[in-house]
Amino acid sequence: MEEPAQFKRVYLIDLESVEEEGIVAKTGFIDLMAIADPKAVAQDGTIDEVFSFPFVTIENVDIVDERHIIVGNDNNYPGSIGCLPGTADNSELILLEISYLLAID
């Protein structure tokens, strides 16, 4: 890939709530291109209190506990770009506090 991602979102879906047409309920989202980081805890990528995770490939999203998920990127060295075009990305994991999404019944 030669261009970084422009759209990256994580959605919560309910696999037990399938409509007749086979459509599942999709609730809320996390925009991985605009994650609030007012304390600048991210080591790289925070500009004006917003962190961006613009990777072409997101390898996993897992629930850690009732308040957190982890999102991972494997850089597929040397071909994955996103942060700095022309430079291979690092493999990264981010821990996100999303109790507001996980609390949905």
Protein backbone atom coordinates (compact mmCIF):
# COMPACT_ATOMS: atom_id res chain seq x y z
CA MET A 1 0.00 0.00 0.00
CA GLU A 2 1.30 3.41 -0.89
CA GLU A 3 -1.33 5.57 0.83
CA PRO A 4 -2.14 5.61 4.55
CA ALA A 5 -5.67 4.73 5.64
CA GLN A 6 -8.22 7.53 5.64
CA PHE A 7 -11.00 5.65 7.47
CA LYS A 8 -10.49 3.28 10.44
CA ARG A 9 -13.26 2.46 12.88
CA VAL A 10 -14.01 -0.22 15.45
CA TYR A 11 -17.69 -1.13 15.89
CA LEU A 12 -19.47 -3.16 18.56
CA ILE A 13 -21.81 -5.71 16.98
CA ASP A 14 -24.31 -8.05 18.62
CA LEU A 15 -24.10 -11.51 17.03
CA GLU A 16 -27.10 -12.70 19.06
CA SER A 17 -29.35 -9.99 17.63
CA VAL A 18 -29.66 -10.93 13.96
CA GLU A 19 -32.54 -9.53 11.93
CA GLU A 20 -34.49 -11.67 9.50
CA GLU A 21 -32.36 -10.39 6.61
CA GLY A 22 -29.20 -11.55 8.41
CA ILE A 23 -28.17 -8.05 9.52
CA VAL A 24 -26.60 -7.71 12.97
CA ALA A 25 -27.01 -4.73 15.28
CA LYS A 26 -24.05 -2.34 15.11
CA THR A 27 -23.58 0.08 18.01
CA GLY A 28 -21.22 2.99 18.48
CA PHE A 29 -17.74 3.17 17.14
CA ILE A 30 -14.21 4.27 17.86
CA ASP A 31 -12.63 6.39 15.17
CA LEU A 32 -9.03 5.14 15.15
CA MET A 33 -8.07 8.20 13.12
CA ALA A 34 -9.18 10.56 15.92
CA ILE A 35 -8.74 9.14 19.44
CA ALA A 36 -8.94 11.72 22.24
CA ASP A 37 -5.57 11.90 24.03
CA PRO A 38 -5.74 15.05 26.19
CA LYS A 39 -2.86 13.87 28.41
CA ALA A 40 -0.66 12.91 25.43
CA VAL A 41 -0.04 9.39 26.75
CA ALA A 42 0.67 8.05 23.24
CA GLN A 43 4.38 8.01 22.52
CA ASP A 44 3.86 8.99 18.88
CA GLY A 45 1.01 10.38 16.87
CA THR A 46 -0.73 12.83 19.23
CA ILE A 47 -1.34 16.26 17.73
CA ASP A 48 -3.58 18.84 19.44
CA GLU A 49 -4.75 16.21 21.99
CA VAL A 50 -5.82 13.76 19.27
CA PHE A 51 -4.05 10.46 18.58
CA SER A 52 -4.22 8.81 15.16
CA PHE A 53 -3.75 5.08 14.47
CA PRO A 54 -3.73 5.23 10.63
CA PHE A 55 -2.44 1.79 9.80
CA VAL A 56 -3.46 -0.06 6.65
CA THR A 57 -3.83 -3.35 8.53
CA ILE A 58 -5.37 -3.76 11.97
CA GLU A 59 -4.54 -7.29 13.06
CA ASN A 60 -6.75 -7.65 16.13
CA VAL A 61 -9.29 -6.10 18.44
CA ASP A 62 -9.80 -7.91 21.74
CA ILE A 63 -11.71 -7.20 24.95
CA VAL A 64 -9.24 -6.93 27.86
CA ASP A 65 -11.74 -6.34 30.68
CA GLU A 66 -15.04 -4.55 31.35
CA ARG A 67 -13.44 -1.17 30.57
CA HIS A 68 -10.76 -1.77 27.93
CA ILE A 69 -10.02 -3.17 24.49
CA ILE A 70 -6.67 -3.65 22.82
CA VAL A 71 -6.12 -2.89 19.13
CA GLY A 72 -3.05 -4.25 17.38
CA ASN A 73 -1.15 -3.51 14.21
CA ASP A 74 1.47 -5.83 12.76
CA ASN A 75 3.59 -3.83 10.36
CA ASN A 76 3.98 -6.57 7.70
CA TYR A 77 7.53 -5.27 7.32
CA PRO A 78 8.54 -3.62 5.07
CA GLY A 79 5.28 -2.97 3.23
CA SER A 80 2.91 -1.40 5.77
CA ILE A 81 2.72 2.36 5.96
CA GLY A 82 0.44 4.79 7.72
CA CYS A 83 2.23 7.06 10.13
CA LEU A 84 5.05 8.25 7.88
CA PRO A 85 4.52 7.51 4.18
CA GLY A 86 7.62 5.87 2.72
CA THR A 87 8.68 4.53 6.14
CA ALA A 88 7.74 1.07 7.45
CA ASP A 89 5.46 1.24 10.49
CA ASN A 90 6.28 -0.22 13.86
CA SER A 91 4.18 -3.07 15.21
CA GLU A 92 1.98 -1.41 17.84
CA LEU A 93 -0.67 -2.22 20.42
CA ILE A 94 -2.97 0.41 21.90
CA LEU A 95 -5.10 0.01 25.01
CA LEU A 96 -8.35 1.98 24.87
CA GLU A 97 -10.74 2.73 27.74
CA ILE A 98 -14.19 2.24 26.25
CA SER A 99 -16.49 1.37 29.13
CA TYR A 100 -19.15 3.55 27.50
CA LEU A 101 -19.34 1.06 24.61
CA LEU A 102 -18.87 -2.19 26.52
CA ALA A 103 -21.64 -1.29 28.99
CA ILE A 104 -24.28 -1.52 26.23
CA ASP A 105 -26.60 -4.50 26.74
